[in-house]
Amino acid sequence: MKLWSEGTSYKGAIMAGTICFILWVLFITDTVWTRSVRQVYEVHDSDDWTIHDFECPVECFCPPSFPTALYCENRGLKEIPAIPSRIWYLYLQNNLIETIPEKPFENATQLRWINLNKNKITNYGIEKGALSQLKKLLFLFLEDNELEEVPSPLPRSLEQLQLARNKVSRIPQGTFSNLENLTLLDLQNNKLVDNAFQRDTFKGLKNLMQLNMAKNALRNMPPRLPANTMQLFLDNNSIEGIPENYFNVIPKVAFLRLNHNKLSDEGLPSRGFDVSSILDLQLSHNQLTKVPRISAHLQHLHLDHNKIKSVNVSVICPSPSTLPAERDSFSYGPHLRYLRLDGNEIKPPVPMALMTCFRLLQAVII
């Protein structure tokens, strides 16, 4: 059952709040791209290369209208061809490549983007200096390969590292120590377990904003995450609990996904998820029997397919801070706009106290 609440007196506030939330989501999601895209798509001066520089490997395609790109995807390649010095964007996905040697890249000093998704690359096949020599590289895609650990060393310039759907179970010590420019790290759908992490595993990732470790084999929350983390995705693991004060280390986290885990009431911190930075909280398909405490700033809450029998509004209804600025921002009450409770043991109707507390609610799904 889906209930809508759009009181006339609050309609303007709801509409404005919704627009603000959408803009905020777009801002957070795109921020990890913005700086990189701005650098990657710098204007090229045609004088930077001559007609003699416009060589093209016979295995690939070089579009005359896009002279800095080299397209070698879907060609059954087993080796990386020699990369011309003018190339910024290299597309090698969907091939049969097993190794990344240094030699093909010895002249490719301008590379910003490499896509090696869907090949057969192993850690043993990556020559030690092959990637670290690429001093201007910003994006590295190595999804759907045969990697068993995060490759190292990597160039300090790197801003996005995509390693989804490999066989990664190890992160060698110091792997991320020099990657201070990295904003996005995708390790989803690998074979990470708790002992893959040391307390200093993520040390050095000063600007990391998005960390995706969904679909691994974690039973605990990863330790000592970078302080600037804003998006943390841990869906489809076997996480049973969250340590007390865990979120103190990541005070900027805004989007937290823990769907399809084994979280219980006893495994949550005493404050629950009463963390002012969190805007979107997803706890679907866990083992919760009651609605946890939340912050007055939270806007989207997913609690479907748990074991919740009732909603205790007196416990979950947050109260604003005593600070005047906080009181002003909550003139319409807590910010929750979307609440999903279907797949539990709750029976309608929705308690009126819930609607009274969360006056900006637009949708409750039971």
Protein backbone atom coordinates (compact mmCIF):
# COMPACT_ATOMS: atom_id res chain seq x y z
CA MET A 1 0.00 0.00 0.00
CA LYS A 2 1.30 3.44 -0.90
CA LEU A 3 0.11 6.45 1.07
CA TRP A 4 0.63 9.99 -0.08
CA SER A 5 0.70 13.00 2.22
CA GLU A 6 0.78 16.40 0.56
CA GLY A 7 -0.97 18.86 2.82
CA THR A 8 -1.80 22.16 1.24
CA SER A 9 0.01 24.15 3.91
CA TYR A 10 3.23 22.25 3.31
CA LYS A 11 3.01 21.80 -0.46
CA GLY A 12 5.49 24.56 -1.21
CA ALA A 13 7.95 23.27 1.34
CA ILE A 14 7.65 19.72 0.03
CA MET A 15 8.19 20.76 -3.56
CA ALA A 16 11.16 22.92 -2.66
CA GLY A 17 12.62 20.18 -0.47
CA THR A 18 12.26 17.57 -3.20
CA ILE A 19 13.97 19.78 -5.75
CA CYS A 20 16.79 20.51 -3.29
CA PHE A 21 17.27 16.80 -2.58
CA ILE A 22 17.39 15.93 -6.29
CA LEU A 23 19.92 18.67 -6.91
CA TRP A 24 21.96 17.48 -3.92
CA VAL A 25 21.97 13.88 -5.19
CA LEU A 26 23.09 15.04 -8.62
CA PHE A 27 25.78 17.21 -7.08
CA ILE A 28 27.17 14.45 -4.87
CA THR A 29 27.06 11.83 -7.64
CA ASP A 30 28.64 14.09 -10.22
CA THR A 31 31.27 15.64 -7.98
CA VAL A 32 33.48 12.57 -8.24
CA TRP A 33 33.44 13.12 -12.03
CA THR A 34 33.58 16.90 -12.27
CA ARG A 35 37.23 17.59 -11.56
CA SER A 36 38.35 14.68 -13.73
CA VAL A 37 36.07 15.51 -16.64
CA ARG A 38 37.19 19.12 -16.56
CA GLN A 39 40.81 18.02 -16.89
CA VAL A 40 40.17 15.22 -19.36
CA TYR A 41 38.23 17.37 -21.80
CA GLU A 42 40.68 20.21 -22.01
CA VAL A 43 40.79 21.90 -25.40
CA HIS A 44 43.46 20.43 -27.65
CA ASP A 45 45.65 22.69 -29.70
CA SER A 46 45.98 21.33 -33.23
CA ASP A 47 49.59 22.51 -33.17
CA ASP A 48 50.35 19.93 -30.47
CA TRP A 49 50.86 17.28 -33.14
CA THR A 50 51.85 17.20 -36.77
CA ILE A 51 50.70 15.06 -39.68
CA HIS A 52 53.66 12.78 -38.97
CA ASP A 53 52.29 12.11 -35.48
CA PHE A 54 49.01 10.77 -36.79
CA GLU A 55 50.04 7.15 -36.81
CA CYS A 56 47.42 4.52 -36.05
CA PRO A 57 47.98 0.86 -35.08
CA VAL A 58 46.58 -1.40 -37.80
CA GLU A 59 44.54 -3.28 -35.18
CA CYS A 60 42.67 -0.14 -34.14
CA PHE A 61 40.59 2.78 -35.41
CA CYS A 62 41.67 6.41 -35.15
CA PRO A 63 38.80 8.82 -35.92
CA PRO A 64 40.15 11.89 -37.76
CA SER A 65 37.64 14.07 -35.90
CA PHE A 66 38.92 12.81 -32.53
CA PRO A 67 42.70 12.49 -32.97
CA THR A 68 43.43 11.91 -29.27
CA ALA A 69 41.31 8.74 -29.10
CA LEU A 70 42.32 5.20 -30.03
CA TYR A 71 39.59 2.57 -30.43
CA CYS A 72 40.81 -1.04 -30.20
CA GLU A 73 37.79 -2.69 -28.55
CA ASN A 74 36.05 -5.90 -29.65
CA ARG A 75 38.89 -7.03 -31.93
CA GLY A 76 40.08 -10.26 -30.33
CA LEU A 77 43.42 -8.67 -29.41
CA LYS A 78 45.80 -10.70 -27.24
CA GLU A 79 48.36 -7.93 -26.85
CA ILE A 80 48.26 -4.17 -26.39
CA PRO A 81 49.55 -2.40 -29.53
CA ALA A 82 52.06 0.44 -29.38
CA ILE A 83 50.18 3.56 -28.27
CA PRO A 84 50.98 6.77 -30.20
CA SER A 85 52.16 9.74 -28.16
CA ARG A 86 49.13 11.93 -29.00
CA ILE A 87 46.59 9.57 -27.43
CA TRP A 88 44.59 10.65 -24.37
CA TYR A 89 41.76 8.09 -24.52
CA LEU A 90 42.45 4.40 -25.03
CA TYR A 91 39.68 1.85 -25.52
CA LEU A 92 40.75 -1.80 -25.26
CA GLN A 93 37.69 -3.42 -23.71
CA ASN A 94 36.25 -6.76 -24.81
CA ASN A 95 39.45 -8.38 -26.00
CA LEU A 96 41.62 -11.35 -24.95
CA ILE A 97 44.47 -9.34 -23.42
CA GLU A 98 46.30 -11.10 -20.57
CA THR A 99 49.23 -8.74 -19.90
CA ILE A 100 50.01 -5.04 -19.46
CA PRO A 101 53.70 -4.56 -20.34
CA GLU A 102 55.60 -1.28 -20.18
CA LYS A 103 56.71 -1.13 -23.80
CA PRO A 104 53.38 -0.29 -25.55
CA PHE A 105 53.04 2.77 -23.28
CA GLU A 106 56.60 4.10 -23.51
CA ASN A 107 55.50 7.01 -25.74
CA ALA A 108 51.98 7.39 -24.33
CA THR A 109 52.81 10.16 -21.89
CA GLN A 110 49.50 12.00 -22.40
CA LEU A 111 47.10 9.19 -21.50
CA ARG A 112 44.15 10.27 -19.30
CA TRP A 113 41.74 7.37 -19.82
CA ILE A 114 42.29 3.61 -20.25
CA ASN A 115 39.44 1.12 -20.61
CA LEU A 116 40.61 -2.50 -20.27
CA ASN A 117 37.30 -3.97 -19.11
CA LYS A 118 36.41 -7.54 -20.06
CA ASN A 119 39.82 -8.95 -20.81
CA LYS A 120 41.87 -11.73 -19.15
CA ILE A 121 44.38 -9.64 -17.23
CA THR A 122 46.00 -11.14 -14.12
CA ASN A 123 48.24 -9.49 -11.53
CA TYR A 124 51.18 -11.53 -12.80
CA GLY A 125 50.58 -10.09 -16.25
CA ILE A 126 50.99 -6.46 -15.15
CA GLU A 127 54.61 -5.34 -15.46
CA LYS A 128 55.59 -3.37 -12.35
CA GLY A 129 56.08 0.06 -13.92
CA ALA A 130 53.56 -0.25 -16.73
CA LEU A 131 50.82 1.77 -15.03
CA SER A 132 52.80 3.96 -12.64
CA GLN A 133 54.72 5.48 -15.56
CA LEU A 134 51.51 7.08 -16.86
CA LYS A 135 51.88 10.33 -14.93
CA LYS A 136 48.71 11.99 -16.29
CA LEU A 137 46.30 9.06 -16.09
CA LEU A 138 42.96 9.94 -14.44
CA PHE A 139 40.62 7.02 -15.22
CA LEU A 140 41.54 3.33 -15.14
CA PHE A 141 38.92 0.69 -15.94
CA LEU A 142 39.87 -2.94 -15.22
CA GLU A 143 36.46 -4.47 -14.61
CA ASP A 144 35.68 -8.10 -15.51
CA ASN A 145 39.25 -9.39 -15.54
CA GLU A 146 41.16 -12.03 -13.54
CA LEU A 147 42.77 -9.82 -10.89
CA GLU A 148 43.26 -11.35 -7.43
CA GLU A 149 44.57 -8.22 -5.73
CA VAL A 150 44.44 -4.47 -6.30
CA PRO A 151 47.23 -3.69 -8.78
CA SER A 152 50.18 -1.66 -7.56
CA PRO A 153 51.96 0.67 -8.07
CA LEU A 154 49.47 3.05 -9.68
CA PRO A 155 50.04 6.64 -10.87
CA ARG A 156 49.58 9.37 -8.28
CA SER A 157 47.39 11.30 -10.72
CA LEU A 158 44.64 8.65 -10.75
CA GLU A 159 41.13 9.86 -9.83
CA GLN A 160 38.94 6.84 -10.58
CA LEU A 161 39.80 3.16 -10.23
CA GLN A 162 37.19 0.65 -11.41
CA LEU A 163 37.87 -2.98 -10.41
CA ALA A 164 34.39 -4.49 -10.25
CA ARG A 165 33.80 -8.17 -11.02
CA ASN A 166 37.32 -9.50 -10.60
CA LYS A 167 38.61 -12.01 -8.03
CA VAL A 168 40.20 -9.47 -5.70
CA SER A 169 40.75 -10.88 -2.21
CA ARG A 170 43.89 -8.94 -1.22
CA ILE A 171 44.93 -5.30 -0.94
CA PRO A 172 48.72 -5.19 -0.53
CA GLN A 173 49.99 -2.86 2.17
CA GLY A 174 50.66 0.63 0.87
CA THR A 175 48.63 0.16 -2.31
CA PHE A 176 46.71 3.41 -1.81
CA SER A 177 49.39 5.35 0.08
CA ASN A 178 50.19 7.73 -2.81
CA LEU A 179 46.72 7.96 -4.38
CA GLU A 180 45.73 11.25 -2.78
CA ASN A 181 43.80 12.32 -5.90
CA LEU A 182 41.54 9.26 -6.04
CA THR A 183 37.87 10.20 -5.65
CA LEU A 184 36.17 6.92 -6.66
CA LEU A 185 37.14 3.33 -5.83
CA ASP A 186 34.92 0.52 -7.12
CA LEU A 187 35.62 -2.95 -5.70
CA GLN A 188 32.15 -4.39 -5.98
CA ASN A 189 31.56 -8.05 -6.79
CA ASN A 190 34.96 -9.38 -5.76
CA LYS A 191 36.13 -11.81 -3.04
CA LEU A 192 37.06 -9.45 -0.23
CA VAL A 193 36.81 -10.77 3.33
CA ASP A 194 37.47 -8.98 6.62
CA ASN A 195 41.15 -9.92 6.87
CA ALA A 196 41.83 -8.18 3.55
CA PHE A 197 41.91 -4.89 5.47
CA GLN A 198 44.49 -3.47 7.86
CA ARG A 199 43.92 -0.34 9.93
CA ASP A 200 45.97 1.66 7.42
CA THR A 201 44.65 0.05 4.21
CA PHE A 202 42.92 3.23 3.06
CA LYS A 203 45.59 5.58 4.35
CA GLY A 204 46.51 8.10 1.69
CA LEU A 205 43.05 8.35 0.09
CA LYS A 206 42.56 11.91 1.30
CA ASN A 207 40.04 12.86 -1.38
CA LEU A 208 38.07 9.63 -1.76
CA MET A 209 34.35 10.37 -2.01
CA GLN A 210 32.76 7.16 -3.28
CA LEU A 211 33.67 3.65 -2.06
CA ASN A 212 31.79 0.65 -3.45
CA MET A 213 32.43 -2.76 -1.86
CA ALA A 214 29.04 -4.32 -2.53
CA LYS A 215 28.79 -8.04 -3.32
CA ASN A 216 31.83 -9.25 -1.41
CA ALA A 217 32.09 -11.54 1.63
CA LEU A 218 32.43 -9.00 4.46
CA ARG A 219 31.06 -9.79 7.92
CA ASN A 220 32.21 -6.54 9.51
CA MET A 221 32.31 -2.91 8.45
CA PRO A 222 35.64 -2.00 6.79
CA PRO A 223 37.97 -0.21 9.24
CA ARG A 224 39.27 3.35 9.18
CA LEU A 225 37.65 4.65 6.03
CA PRO A 226 38.83 7.95 4.48
CA ALA A 227 37.34 10.96 6.27
CA ASN A 228 35.93 12.50 3.07
CA THR A 229 33.86 9.46 2.10
CA MET A 230 30.38 10.63 1.08
CA GLN A 231 28.98 7.53 -0.65
CA LEU A 232 29.49 4.11 0.96
CA PHE A 233 27.97 1.07 -0.73
CA LEU A 234 28.15 -2.27 1.14
CA ASP A 235 25.12 -4.10 -0.21
CA ASN A 236 25.07 -7.89 -0.53
CA ASN A 237 27.65 -8.80 2.08
CA SER A 238 27.17 -10.66 5.37
CA ILE A 239 27.65 -7.72 7.74
CA GLU A 240 26.18 -8.44 11.17
CA GLY A 241 26.89 -5.23 13.08
CA ILE A 242 28.23 -1.69 13.10
CA PRO A 243 30.75 -0.66 15.80
CA GLU A 244 29.89 2.08 18.27
CA ASN A 245 30.94 5.53 16.97
CA TYR A 246 31.80 4.04 13.57
CA PHE A 247 30.48 7.08 11.72
CA ASN A 248 32.67 9.50 13.67
CA VAL A 249 35.51 8.62 11.29
CA ILE A 250 33.43 9.44 8.18
CA PRO A 251 31.60 12.62 9.22
CA LYS A 252 30.61 13.50 5.63
CA VAL A 253 28.88 10.26 4.65
CA ALA A 254 25.59 11.16 2.95
CA PHE A 255 24.58 7.99 1.10
CA LEU A 256 24.80 4.68 2.95
CA ARG A 257 23.68 1.39 1.40
CA LEU A 258 23.61 -1.78 3.51
CA ASN A 259 20.90 -3.72 1.73
CA HIS A 260 21.02 -7.54 1.77
CA ASN A 261 23.18 -8.02 4.87
CA LYS A 262 22.59 -9.64 8.28
CA LEU A 263 22.09 -6.58 10.45
CA SER A 264 20.06 -7.07 13.63
CA ASP A 265 18.88 -4.62 16.29
CA GLU A 266 21.64 -5.79 18.63
CA GLY A 267 24.28 -5.10 15.98
CA LEU A 268 23.52 -1.40 15.65
CA PRO A 269 25.22 1.43 17.59
CA SER A 270 23.27 2.81 20.55
CA ARG A 271 22.47 5.93 18.52
CA GLY A 272 21.35 3.87 15.57
CA PHE A 273 21.75 6.02 12.48
CA ASP A 274 21.29 9.36 14.20
CA VAL A 275 24.04 10.88 12.06
CA SER A 276 23.34 14.36 10.72
CA SER A 277 25.26 13.91 7.47
CA ILE A 278 23.25 10.89 6.24
CA LEU A 279 20.57 11.85 3.71
CA ASP A 280 19.82 8.48 2.10
CA LEU A 281 19.85 5.27 4.19
CA GLN A 282 19.14 1.85 2.70
CA LEU A 283 18.73 -1.13 5.07
CA SER A 284 16.47 -3.39 3.00
CA HIS A 285 16.63 -7.19 3.38
CA ASN A 286 18.21 -7.39 6.83
CA GLN A 287 17.05 -8.83 10.16
CA LEU A 288 15.83 -5.73 11.97
CA THR A 289 12.74 -6.05 14.18
CA LYS A 290 12.29 -2.33 14.88
CA VAL A 291 12.90 0.97 13.15
CA PRO A 292 16.30 2.33 14.23
CA ARG A 293 16.92 5.86 15.44
CA ILE A 294 17.52 8.32 12.62
CA SER A 295 18.62 11.90 12.19
CA ALA A 296 16.25 14.77 11.53
CA HIS A 297 18.28 15.43 8.36
CA LEU A 298 17.51 12.03 6.79
CA GLN A 299 15.38 12.26 3.64
CA HIS A 300 15.10 8.71 2.27
CA LEU A 301 14.80 5.57 4.43
CA HIS A 302 14.55 2.02 3.03
CA LEU A 303 13.59 -0.63 5.61
CA ASP A 304 11.64 -3.05 3.44
CA HIS A 305 11.95 -6.82 3.86
CA ASN A 306 13.08 -6.92 7.47
CA LYS A 307 11.19 -8.38 10.47
CA ILE A 308 9.62 -5.18 11.76
CA LYS A 309 6.22 -5.65 13.42
CA SER A 310 5.38 -2.11 14.48
CA VAL A 311 6.58 1.48 14.31
CA ASN A 312 7.35 3.16 17.63
CA VAL A 313 7.09 6.81 16.65
CA SER A 314 8.16 8.07 20.08
CA VAL A 315 11.54 6.38 19.54
CA ILE A 316 12.22 7.17 15.89
CA CYS A 317 10.85 10.72 15.75
CA PRO A 318 14.00 12.90 15.84
CA SER A 319 14.15 16.27 17.49
CA PRO A 320 16.19 19.19 16.15
CA SER A 321 19.19 20.60 17.96
CA THR A 322 18.76 23.39 20.43
CA LEU A 323 20.78 25.65 18.15
CA PRO A 324 18.66 28.47 16.68
CA ALA A 325 19.90 27.75 13.14
CA GLU A 326 18.81 24.14 13.49
CA ARG A 327 15.39 25.15 14.80
CA ASP A 328 14.87 27.41 11.79
CA SER A 329 15.78 24.63 9.34
CA PHE A 330 13.18 22.34 10.96
CA SER A 331 10.27 24.75 10.87
CA TYR A 332 8.39 22.03 8.95
CA GLY A 333 9.74 19.19 11.07
CA PRO A 334 12.24 16.45 10.24
CA HIS A 335 13.24 16.17 6.59
CA LEU A 336 12.13 12.58 5.90
CA ARG A 337 10.24 12.45 2.61
CA TYR A 338 10.30 8.79 1.60
CA LEU A 339 9.80 5.76 3.85
CA ARG A 340 9.66 2.17 2.65
CA LEU A 341 8.41 -0.51 5.07
CA ASP A 342 6.92 -3.16 2.77
CA GLY A 343 7.93 -6.80 3.19
CA ASN A 344 7.76 -6.55 7.00
CA GLU A 345 5.09 -7.67 9.46
CA ILE A 346 3.50 -4.25 9.76
CA LYS A 347 -0.19 -3.95 9.03
CA PRO A 348 -1.88 -0.73 7.92
CA PRO A 349 -3.03 1.83 8.74
CA VAL A 350 0.04 3.97 9.26
CA PRO A 351 0.05 5.50 12.77
CA MET A 352 -1.12 9.11 12.65
CA ALA A 353 1.74 10.00 14.98
CA LEU A 354 4.13 9.05 12.16
CA MET A 355 2.52 11.55 9.82
CA THR A 356 2.45 14.17 12.55
CA CYS A 357 6.18 13.78 13.21
CA PHE A 358 7.33 13.57 9.60
CA ARG A 359 5.17 16.27 8.10
CA LEU A 360 7.19 16.41 4.87
CA LEU A 361 6.59 12.76 4.07
CA GLN A 362 5.51 12.35 0.45
CA ALA A 363 5.32 8.56 0.35
CA VAL A 364 5.05 5.71 2.84
CA ILE A 365 5.13 2.23 1.31
CA ILE A 366 3.81 -0.62 3.48
